[in-house]
Amino acid sequence: MKANEIRLKSRQEILDEIDATNRELLNIKFQWQVGETRNPAQKKRCRIDIARLKTILREVDLGINKHLNKKE
């Protein structure tokens, strides 16, 4: 998910997306332990998405980069 797409979402939508991505990461970790999947790129992508979502959520909370939050 791109940062521009995330910035267009409301605070609650971002929180919901963080929750969904955390659940996805947990499922990937379980699959990894069971041996169903061996694709480390999936885990990395989820961790990066969570970090990006949390960063933009923090920007919204602090009022940083408001010029980037414009809905077109």
C-alpha atoms as a PDB file:
ATOM      1  CA  MET A   1       0.000   0.000   0.000  1.00  0.00           C
ATOM      2  CA  LYS A   2       1.368   3.394  -0.948  1.00  0.00           C
ATOM      3  CA  ALA A   3       1.632   6.312   1.453  1.00  0.00           C
ATOM      4  CA  ASN A   4      -0.549   8.510  -0.758  1.00  0.00           C
ATOM      5  CA  GLU A   5      -3.357   5.958  -0.583  1.00  0.00           C
ATOM      6  CA  ILE A   6      -3.073   5.747   3.200  1.00  0.00           C
ATOM      7  CA  ARG A   7      -3.147   9.513   3.641  1.00  0.00           C
ATOM      8  CA  LEU A   8      -6.548   9.647   1.938  1.00  0.00           C
ATOM      9  CA  LYS A   9      -8.065   7.390   4.600  1.00  0.00           C
ATOM     10  CA  SER A  10      -9.637   8.494   7.862  1.00  0.00           C
ATOM     11  CA  ARG A  11      -7.983   7.817  11.214  1.00  0.00           C
ATOM     12  CA  GLN A  12     -10.361   4.929  11.944  1.00  0.00           C
ATOM     13  CA  GLU A  13      -9.732   3.359   8.546  1.00  0.00           C
ATOM     14  CA  ILE A  14      -5.982   3.496   9.204  1.00  0.00           C
ATOM     15  CA  LEU A  15      -6.470   1.843  12.604  1.00  0.00           C
ATOM     16  CA  ASP A  16      -8.598  -0.869  10.991  1.00  0.00           C
ATOM     17  CA  GLU A  17      -5.925  -1.414   8.353  1.00  0.00           C
ATOM     18  CA  ILE A  18      -3.233  -1.739  11.053  1.00  0.00           C
ATOM     19  CA  ASP A  19      -5.361  -4.339  12.834  1.00  0.00           C
ATOM     20  CA  ALA A  20      -5.970  -6.301   9.635  1.00  0.00           C
ATOM     21  CA  THR A  21      -2.284  -6.235   8.691  1.00  0.00           C
ATOM     22  CA  ASN A  22      -1.287  -7.375  12.190  1.00  0.00           C
ATOM     23  CA  ARG A  23      -3.686 -10.325  11.860  1.00  0.00           C
ATOM     24  CA  GLU A  24      -2.242 -11.116   8.431  1.00  0.00           C
ATOM     25  CA  LEU A  25       1.296 -11.065   9.859  1.00  0.00           C
ATOM     26  CA  LEU A  26       0.242 -13.368  12.694  1.00  0.00           C
ATOM     27  CA  ASN A  27      -1.261 -15.832  10.206  1.00  0.00           C
ATOM     28  CA  ILE A  28       1.916 -15.744   8.122  1.00  0.00           C
ATOM     29  CA  LYS A  29       3.996 -16.457  11.239  1.00  0.00           C
ATOM     30  CA  PHE A  30       1.779 -19.431  12.109  1.00  0.00           C
ATOM     31  CA  GLN A  31       2.026 -20.755   8.552  1.00  0.00           C
ATOM     32  CA  TRP A  32       5.798 -20.318   8.721  1.00  0.00           C
ATOM     33  CA  GLN A  33       6.031 -22.417  11.901  1.00  0.00           C
ATOM     34  CA  VAL A  34       3.806 -25.151  10.503  1.00  0.00           C
ATOM     35  CA  GLY A  35       5.812 -25.212   7.295  1.00  0.00           C
ATOM     36  CA  GLU A  36       3.030 -24.223   4.916  1.00  0.00           C
ATOM     37  CA  THR A  37       4.913 -21.227   3.561  1.00  0.00           C
ATOM     38  CA  ARG A  38       8.562 -20.335   3.266  1.00  0.00           C
ATOM     39  CA  ASN A  39       8.341 -16.905   1.683  1.00  0.00           C
ATOM     40  CA  PRO A  40      10.138 -14.386   3.918  1.00  0.00           C
ATOM     41  CA  ALA A  41       9.067 -11.560   1.599  1.00  0.00           C
ATOM     42  CA  GLN A  42       5.494 -11.868   2.895  1.00  0.00           C
ATOM     43  CA  LYS A  43       6.582 -11.248   6.480  1.00  0.00           C
ATOM     44  CA  LYS A  44       8.770  -8.342   5.445  1.00  0.00           C
ATOM     45  CA  ARG A  45       5.991  -6.741   3.398  1.00  0.00           C
ATOM     46  CA  CYS A  46       3.567  -6.935   6.327  1.00  0.00           C
ATOM     47  CA  ARG A  47       6.075  -5.437   8.751  1.00  0.00           C
ATOM     48  CA  ILE A  48       6.832  -2.595   6.345  1.00  0.00           C
ATOM     49  CA  ASP A  49       3.114  -1.936   5.771  1.00  0.00           C
ATOM     50  CA  ILE A  50       2.484  -1.806   9.528  1.00  0.00           C
ATOM     51  CA  ALA A  51       5.365   0.622  10.013  1.00  0.00           C
ATOM     52  CA  ARG A  52       4.118   2.822   7.163  1.00  0.00           C
ATOM     53  CA  LEU A  53       0.569   2.839   8.556  1.00  0.00           C
ATOM     54  CA  LYS A  54       1.760   3.704  12.066  1.00  0.00           C
ATOM     55  CA  THR A  55       4.023   6.458  10.748  1.00  0.00           C
ATOM     56  CA  ILE A  56       1.223   8.122   8.804  1.00  0.00           C
ATOM     57  CA  LEU A  57      -1.160   7.711  11.753  1.00  0.00           C
ATOM     58  CA  ARG A  58       1.371   9.511  13.942  1.00  0.00           C
ATOM     59  CA  GLU A  59       1.721  12.271  11.330  1.00  0.00           C
ATOM     60  CA  VAL A  60      -2.049  12.735  11.412  1.00  0.00           C
ATOM     61  CA  ASP A  61      -2.061  12.864  15.223  1.00  0.00           C
ATOM     62  CA  LEU A  62       0.709  15.477  15.303  1.00  0.00           C
ATOM     63  CA  GLY A  63      -0.618  17.458  12.355  1.00  0.00           C
ATOM     64  CA  ILE A  64       2.565  16.945  10.371  1.00  0.00           C
ATOM     65  CA  ASN A  65       2.516  16.995   6.546  1.00  0.00           C
ATOM     66  CA  LYS A  66      -1.030  18.309   6.319  1.00  0.00           C
ATOM     67  CA  HIS A  67      -0.298  19.489   2.787  1.00  0.00           C
ATOM     68  CA  LEU A  68       0.112  15.816   1.805  1.00  0.00           C
ATOM     69  CA  ASN A  69      -3.235  14.808   3.323  1.00  0.00           C
ATOM     70  CA  LYS A  70      -5.325  16.737   0.791  1.00  0.00           C
ATOM     71  CA  LYS A  71      -8.020  14.682  -0.862  1.00  0.00           C
ATOM     72  CA  GLU A  72      -8.099  15.359  -4.565  1.00  0.00           C
END
